[in-house]
Amino acid sequence: PEDLLNLPKMTDKKKQWAMIFLDAIFPYALSHSPTFPPLVASRMVALSLEYGLVKESAFGLNEFVYCSVCIYHNYDECNHWMKSARLVLKKFKADAIVPKLEISQYLLLSFLQQPIQALIAKSFECRQDALAVGDIEHATFGACINYETIVITGTHHLRSVENDCTVFSLETLRLNQLP
């Protein structure tokens, strides 16, 4: 994985846009069919290896690793590769999208290996981190996971969840109105 960091930066604009597009469609591929995510992730990794790195390479690597862990169940190797994905973002000084990567890394794997209470706490933390950098989309994703998990498990009183949801909605509305 460390060899990936030595790859040059991607210079081909069409390939850069392809990476942005593939990164954008991955969540839809994940929810549509179990055969699509490995295809999208593999293509992103192949483009990165052949044409160089862009910040979206971190997400392609992350998604590829997630698909692999579902097959091989090697969590230690998975965590090692996911660390490399975070280092790719660090290389591009893309601090604003680190919460997006952390949300996907933690939440994708937490269903496979973490207790449900850890998922509730971490999804709340990821939501707050995303809000802190103004990433409304991924803050909302983290909030949805947080609220769904709380409601499904019945670990909190629904009135407190509703109040928290209202506060979160007002905060995202305020952030969305900023120039």
C-alpha atoms as a PDB file:
ATOM      1  CA  PRO A   1       0.000   0.000   0.000  1.00  0.00           C
ATOM      2  CA  GLU A   2       2.819   2.447   0.705  1.00  0.00           C
ATOM      3  CA  ASP A   3       3.887   2.200  -2.954  1.00  0.00           C
ATOM      4  CA  LEU A   4       0.626   3.865  -3.937  1.00  0.00           C
ATOM      5  CA  LEU A   5       1.746   7.102  -2.339  1.00  0.00           C
ATOM      6  CA  ASN A   6       4.699   7.234  -4.740  1.00  0.00           C
ATOM      7  CA  LEU A   7       2.442   7.285  -7.786  1.00  0.00           C
ATOM      8  CA  PRO A   8       2.423  10.591  -9.689  1.00  0.00           C
ATOM      9  CA  LYS A   9      -0.565  12.904  -9.699  1.00  0.00           C
ATOM     10  CA  MET A  10      -3.121  12.207 -12.412  1.00  0.00           C
ATOM     11  CA  THR A  11      -2.847  14.822 -15.160  1.00  0.00           C
ATOM     12  CA  ASP A  12      -5.359  13.562 -17.743  1.00  0.00           C
ATOM     13  CA  LYS A  13      -8.493  15.711 -17.253  1.00  0.00           C
ATOM     14  CA  LYS A  14     -10.831  13.084 -18.733  1.00  0.00           C
ATOM     15  CA  LYS A  15      -9.518  10.465 -16.346  1.00  0.00           C
ATOM     16  CA  GLN A  16      -9.878  12.896 -13.440  1.00  0.00           C
ATOM     17  CA  TRP A  17     -13.525  13.452 -14.359  1.00  0.00           C
ATOM     18  CA  ALA A  18     -14.000   9.696 -14.700  1.00  0.00           C
ATOM     19  CA  MET A  19     -12.745   9.283 -11.132  1.00  0.00           C
ATOM     20  CA  ILE A  20     -15.106  11.995  -9.866  1.00  0.00           C
ATOM     21  CA  PHE A  21     -18.002  10.307 -11.675  1.00  0.00           C
ATOM     22  CA  LEU A  22     -17.153   6.824 -10.384  1.00  0.00           C
ATOM     23  CA  ASP A  23     -16.829   8.161  -6.848  1.00  0.00           C
ATOM     24  CA  ALA A  24     -20.236   9.843  -7.159  1.00  0.00           C
ATOM     25  CA  ILE A  25     -22.027   6.715  -8.394  1.00  0.00           C
ATOM     26  CA  PHE A  26     -20.523   4.290  -5.862  1.00  0.00           C
ATOM     27  CA  PRO A  27     -23.242   4.777  -3.198  1.00  0.00           C
ATOM     28  CA  TYR A  28     -25.893   4.055  -5.816  1.00  0.00           C
ATOM     29  CA  ALA A  29     -24.012   1.004  -7.032  1.00  0.00           C
ATOM     30  CA  LEU A  30     -23.804  -0.206  -3.436  1.00  0.00           C
ATOM     31  CA  SER A  31     -27.541   0.055  -2.934  1.00  0.00           C
ATOM     32  CA  HIS A  32     -28.483  -1.268  -6.385  1.00  0.00           C
ATOM     33  CA  SER A  33     -26.693  -4.578  -6.744  1.00  0.00           C
ATOM     34  CA  PRO A  34     -23.921  -6.478  -4.957  1.00  0.00           C
ATOM     35  CA  THR A  35     -22.123  -6.990  -8.283  1.00  0.00           C
ATOM     36  CA  PHE A  36     -21.698  -3.290  -9.102  1.00  0.00           C
ATOM     37  CA  PRO A  37     -19.540  -2.007  -6.203  1.00  0.00           C
ATOM     38  CA  PRO A  38     -16.553  -4.283  -6.952  1.00  0.00           C
ATOM     39  CA  LEU A  39     -16.697  -3.220 -10.606  1.00  0.00           C
ATOM     40  CA  VAL A  40     -16.735   0.496  -9.789  1.00  0.00           C
ATOM     41  CA  ALA A  41     -14.041   0.177  -7.132  1.00  0.00           C
ATOM     42  CA  SER A  42     -11.800  -1.967  -9.334  1.00  0.00           C
ATOM     43  CA  ARG A  43     -12.077   0.548 -12.158  1.00  0.00           C
ATOM     44  CA  MET A  44     -11.111   3.402  -9.842  1.00  0.00           C
ATOM     45  CA  VAL A  45      -8.069   1.523  -8.578  1.00  0.00           C
ATOM     46  CA  ALA A  46      -7.060   0.558 -12.132  1.00  0.00           C
ATOM     47  CA  LEU A  47      -7.319   4.179 -13.310  1.00  0.00           C
ATOM     48  CA  SER A  48      -5.209   5.320 -10.358  1.00  0.00           C
ATOM     49  CA  LEU A  49      -2.529   2.711 -10.991  1.00  0.00           C
ATOM     50  CA  GLU A  50      -2.361   3.498 -14.697  1.00  0.00           C
ATOM     51  CA  TYR A  51      -2.775   7.296 -14.737  1.00  0.00           C
ATOM     52  CA  GLY A  52      -1.797   8.441 -11.255  1.00  0.00           C
ATOM     53  CA  LEU A  53      -3.510   9.650  -8.116  1.00  0.00           C
ATOM     54  CA  VAL A  54      -6.263  12.160  -7.480  1.00  0.00           C
ATOM     55  CA  LYS A  55      -8.029  12.670  -4.178  1.00  0.00           C
ATOM     56  CA  GLU A  56     -10.848  10.390  -5.391  1.00  0.00           C
ATOM     57  CA  SER A  57      -8.255   7.597  -5.565  1.00  0.00           C
ATOM     58  CA  ALA A  58      -8.572   7.378  -1.783  1.00  0.00           C
ATOM     59  CA  PHE A  59     -12.261   6.553  -2.138  1.00  0.00           C
ATOM     60  CA  GLY A  60     -11.639   4.025  -4.898  1.00  0.00           C
ATOM     61  CA  LEU A  61      -9.067   2.305  -2.717  1.00  0.00           C
ATOM     62  CA  ASN A  62     -11.386   2.450   0.271  1.00  0.00           C
ATOM     63  CA  GLU A  63     -14.268   0.965  -1.704  1.00  0.00           C
ATOM     64  CA  PHE A  64     -12.067  -1.722  -3.231  1.00  0.00           C
ATOM     65  CA  VAL A  65     -10.870  -2.745   0.222  1.00  0.00           C
ATOM     66  CA  TYR A  66     -14.440  -2.857   1.509  1.00  0.00           C
ATOM     67  CA  CYS A  67     -15.414  -5.203  -1.331  1.00  0.00           C
ATOM     68  CA  SER A  68     -12.374  -7.352  -0.593  1.00  0.00           C
ATOM     69  CA  VAL A  69     -13.057  -7.630   3.124  1.00  0.00           C
ATOM     70  CA  CYS A  70     -16.577  -8.825   2.385  1.00  0.00           C
ATOM     71  CA  ILE A  71     -15.012 -11.700   0.448  1.00  0.00           C
ATOM     72  CA  TYR A  72     -11.851 -12.521   2.424  1.00  0.00           C
ATOM     73  CA  HIS A  73     -12.788 -11.272   5.935  1.00  0.00           C
ATOM     74  CA  ASN A  74      -9.227 -10.062   6.585  1.00  0.00           C
ATOM     75  CA  TYR A  75      -9.891  -7.003   8.772  1.00  0.00           C
ATOM     76  CA  ASP A  76      -6.240  -6.314   9.641  1.00  0.00           C
ATOM     77  CA  GLU A  77      -5.267  -6.093   5.986  1.00  0.00           C
ATOM     78  CA  CYS A  78      -8.332  -3.984   5.352  1.00  0.00           C
ATOM     79  CA  ASN A  79      -7.376  -1.497   8.066  1.00  0.00           C
ATOM     80  CA  HIS A  80      -3.865  -1.286   6.644  1.00  0.00           C
ATOM     81  CA  TRP A  81      -5.194  -0.401   3.179  1.00  0.00           C
ATOM     82  CA  MET A  82      -7.694   2.053   4.600  1.00  0.00           C
ATOM     83  CA  LYS A  83      -4.844   3.841   6.349  1.00  0.00           C
ATOM     84  CA  SER A  84      -3.221   4.192   2.931  1.00  0.00           C
ATOM     85  CA  ALA A  85      -6.445   5.731   1.613  1.00  0.00           C
ATOM     86  CA  ARG A  86      -6.252   8.355   4.382  1.00  0.00           C
ATOM     87  CA  LEU A  87      -2.621   9.032   3.461  1.00  0.00           C
ATOM     88  CA  VAL A  88      -3.657   9.693  -0.145  1.00  0.00           C
ATOM     89  CA  LEU A  89      -5.977  12.438   1.102  1.00  0.00           C
ATOM     90  CA  LYS A  90      -3.174  13.790   3.269  1.00  0.00           C
ATOM     91  CA  LYS A  91      -0.903  13.873   0.207  1.00  0.00           C
ATOM     92  CA  PHE A  92      -3.456  16.061  -1.577  1.00  0.00           C
ATOM     93  CA  LYS A  93      -4.056  18.187   1.523  1.00  0.00           C
ATOM     94  CA  ALA A  94      -7.747  17.358   1.200  1.00  0.00           C
ATOM     95  CA  ASP A  95      -8.649  17.814   4.864  1.00  0.00           C
ATOM     96  CA  ALA A  96     -12.166  18.977   4.011  1.00  0.00           C
ATOM     97  CA  ILE A  97     -13.121  15.544   2.651  1.00  0.00           C
ATOM     98  CA  VAL A  98     -11.510  13.451   5.372  1.00  0.00           C
ATOM     99  CA  PRO A  99     -14.873  13.156   7.208  1.00  0.00           C
ATOM    100  CA  LYS A 100     -16.389  11.686   4.032  1.00  0.00           C
ATOM    101  CA  LEU A 101     -13.700   9.008   3.959  1.00  0.00           C
ATOM    102  CA  GLU A 102     -13.964   8.346   7.689  1.00  0.00           C
ATOM    103  CA  ILE A 103     -17.729   7.977   7.494  1.00  0.00           C
ATOM    104  CA  SER A 104     -17.474   5.450   4.719  1.00  0.00           C
ATOM    105  CA  GLN A 105     -14.552   3.598   6.291  1.00  0.00           C
ATOM    106  CA  TYR A 106     -16.014   3.276   9.711  1.00  0.00           C
ATOM    107  CA  LEU A 107     -19.620   2.751   8.828  1.00  0.00           C
ATOM    108  CA  LEU A 108     -18.977   0.209   6.093  1.00  0.00           C
ATOM    109  CA  LEU A 109     -16.816  -1.934   8.336  1.00  0.00           C
ATOM    110  CA  SER A 110     -18.609  -1.366  11.604  1.00  0.00           C
ATOM    111  CA  PHE A 111     -21.538  -3.465  10.470  1.00  0.00           C
ATOM    112  CA  LEU A 112     -19.127  -6.346  10.016  1.00  0.00           C
ATOM    113  CA  GLN A 113     -17.123  -6.162  13.227  1.00  0.00           C
ATOM    114  CA  GLN A 114     -18.253  -3.563  15.786  1.00  0.00           C
ATOM    115  CA  PRO A 115     -20.883  -3.657  18.530  1.00  0.00           C
ATOM    116  CA  ILE A 116     -23.965  -1.597  17.733  1.00  0.00           C
ATOM    117  CA  GLN A 117     -23.254   0.942  20.514  1.00  0.00           C
ATOM    118  CA  ALA A 118     -19.902   1.754  18.907  1.00  0.00           C
ATOM    119  CA  LEU A 119     -21.702   2.386  15.623  1.00  0.00           C
ATOM    120  CA  ILE A 120     -24.059   4.853  17.304  1.00  0.00           C
ATOM    121  CA  ALA A 121     -21.197   6.783  18.914  1.00  0.00           C
ATOM    122  CA  LYS A 122     -18.969   6.783  15.835  1.00  0.00           C
ATOM    123  CA  SER A 123     -21.738   7.791  13.422  1.00  0.00           C
ATOM    124  CA  PHE A 124     -22.488  10.761  15.708  1.00  0.00           C
ATOM    125  CA  GLU A 125     -18.793  11.683  15.779  1.00  0.00           C
ATOM    126  CA  CYS A 126     -18.513  11.394  11.983  1.00  0.00           C
ATOM    127  CA  ARG A 127     -21.618  13.534  11.594  1.00  0.00           C
ATOM    128  CA  GLN A 128     -20.112  16.258  13.789  1.00  0.00           C
ATOM    129  CA  ASP A 129     -16.767  16.118  11.935  1.00  0.00           C
ATOM    130  CA  ALA A 130     -18.522  16.494   8.586  1.00  0.00           C
ATOM    131  CA  LEU A 131     -20.559  19.438   9.877  1.00  0.00           C
ATOM    132  CA  ALA A 132     -17.379  21.074  11.167  1.00  0.00           C
ATOM    133  CA  VAL A 133     -15.979  21.257   7.625  1.00  0.00           C
ATOM    134  CA  GLY A 134     -19.334  22.132   6.041  1.00  0.00           C
ATOM    135  CA  ASP A 135     -19.886  18.760   4.354  1.00  0.00           C
ATOM    136  CA  ILE A 136     -23.660  18.671   4.618  1.00  0.00           C
ATOM    137  CA  GLU A 137     -24.067  15.607   2.399  1.00  0.00           C
ATOM    138  CA  HIS A 138     -21.897  13.338   4.540  1.00  0.00           C
ATOM    139  CA  ALA A 139     -23.074  14.877   7.791  1.00  0.00           C
ATOM    140  CA  THR A 140     -26.565  13.883   6.715  1.00  0.00           C
ATOM    141  CA  PHE A 141     -25.366  10.390   5.821  1.00  0.00           C
ATOM    142  CA  GLY A 142     -23.781  10.028   9.256  1.00  0.00           C
ATOM    143  CA  ALA A 143     -26.941  11.365  10.898  1.00  0.00           C
ATOM    144  CA  CYS A 144     -29.150   8.917   8.999  1.00  0.00           C
ATOM    145  CA  ILE A 145     -27.019   5.981  10.105  1.00  0.00           C
ATOM    146  CA  ASN A 146     -26.991   7.359  13.647  1.00  0.00           C
ATOM    147  CA  TYR A 147     -30.756   7.826  13.855  1.00  0.00           C
ATOM    148  CA  GLU A 148     -31.593   4.564  12.092  1.00  0.00           C
ATOM    149  CA  THR A 149     -29.354   2.586  14.405  1.00  0.00           C
ATOM    150  CA  ILE A 150     -30.759   4.254  17.510  1.00  0.00           C
ATOM    151  CA  VAL A 151     -34.354   3.675  16.424  1.00  0.00           C
ATOM    152  CA  ILE A 152     -33.774   0.058  15.353  1.00  0.00           C
ATOM    153  CA  THR A 153     -32.014  -0.858  18.585  1.00  0.00           C
ATOM    154  CA  GLY A 154     -34.358   1.105  20.822  1.00  0.00           C
ATOM    155  CA  THR A 155     -31.417   2.387  22.869  1.00  0.00           C
ATOM    156  CA  HIS A 156     -32.736   5.946  23.233  1.00  0.00           C
ATOM    157  CA  HIS A 157     -36.075   7.524  23.924  1.00  0.00           C
ATOM    158  CA  LEU A 158     -37.627   8.513  20.587  1.00  0.00           C
ATOM    159  CA  ARG A 159     -38.455  12.036  21.825  1.00  0.00           C
ATOM    160  CA  SER A 160     -34.752  12.748  22.445  1.00  0.00           C
ATOM    161  CA  VAL A 161     -33.894  11.393  18.987  1.00  0.00           C
ATOM    162  CA  GLU A 162     -36.574  13.615  17.456  1.00  0.00           C
ATOM    163  CA  ASN A 163     -35.214  16.671  19.315  1.00  0.00           C
ATOM    164  CA  ASP A 164     -31.664  15.900  18.199  1.00  0.00           C
ATOM    165  CA  CYS A 165     -32.876  15.432  14.634  1.00  0.00           C
ATOM    166  CA  THR A 166     -34.579  18.847  14.752  1.00  0.00           C
ATOM    167  CA  VAL A 167     -31.393  20.521  16.018  1.00  0.00           C
ATOM    168  CA  PHE A 168     -29.356  18.763  13.321  1.00  0.00           C
ATOM    169  CA  SER A 169     -31.834  19.818  10.609  1.00  0.00           C
ATOM    170  CA  LEU A 170     -31.675  23.451  11.715  1.00  0.00           C
ATOM    171  CA  GLU A 171     -27.865  23.346  11.724  1.00  0.00           C
ATOM    172  CA  THR A 172     -27.694  21.878   8.215  1.00  0.00           C
ATOM    173  CA  LEU A 173     -30.251  24.421   7.007  1.00  0.00           C
ATOM    174  CA  ARG A 174     -28.109  27.222   8.446  1.00  0.00           C
ATOM    175  CA  LEU A 175     -24.970  25.821   6.799  1.00  0.00           C
ATOM    176  CA  ASN A 176     -26.764  25.399   3.498  1.00  0.00           C
ATOM    177  CA  GLN A 177     -27.660  29.105   3.478  1.00  0.00           C
ATOM    178  CA  LEU A 178     -24.080  30.283   3.925  1.00  0.00           C
ATOM    179  CA  PRO A 179     -22.482  31.823   0.837  1.00  0.00           C
END
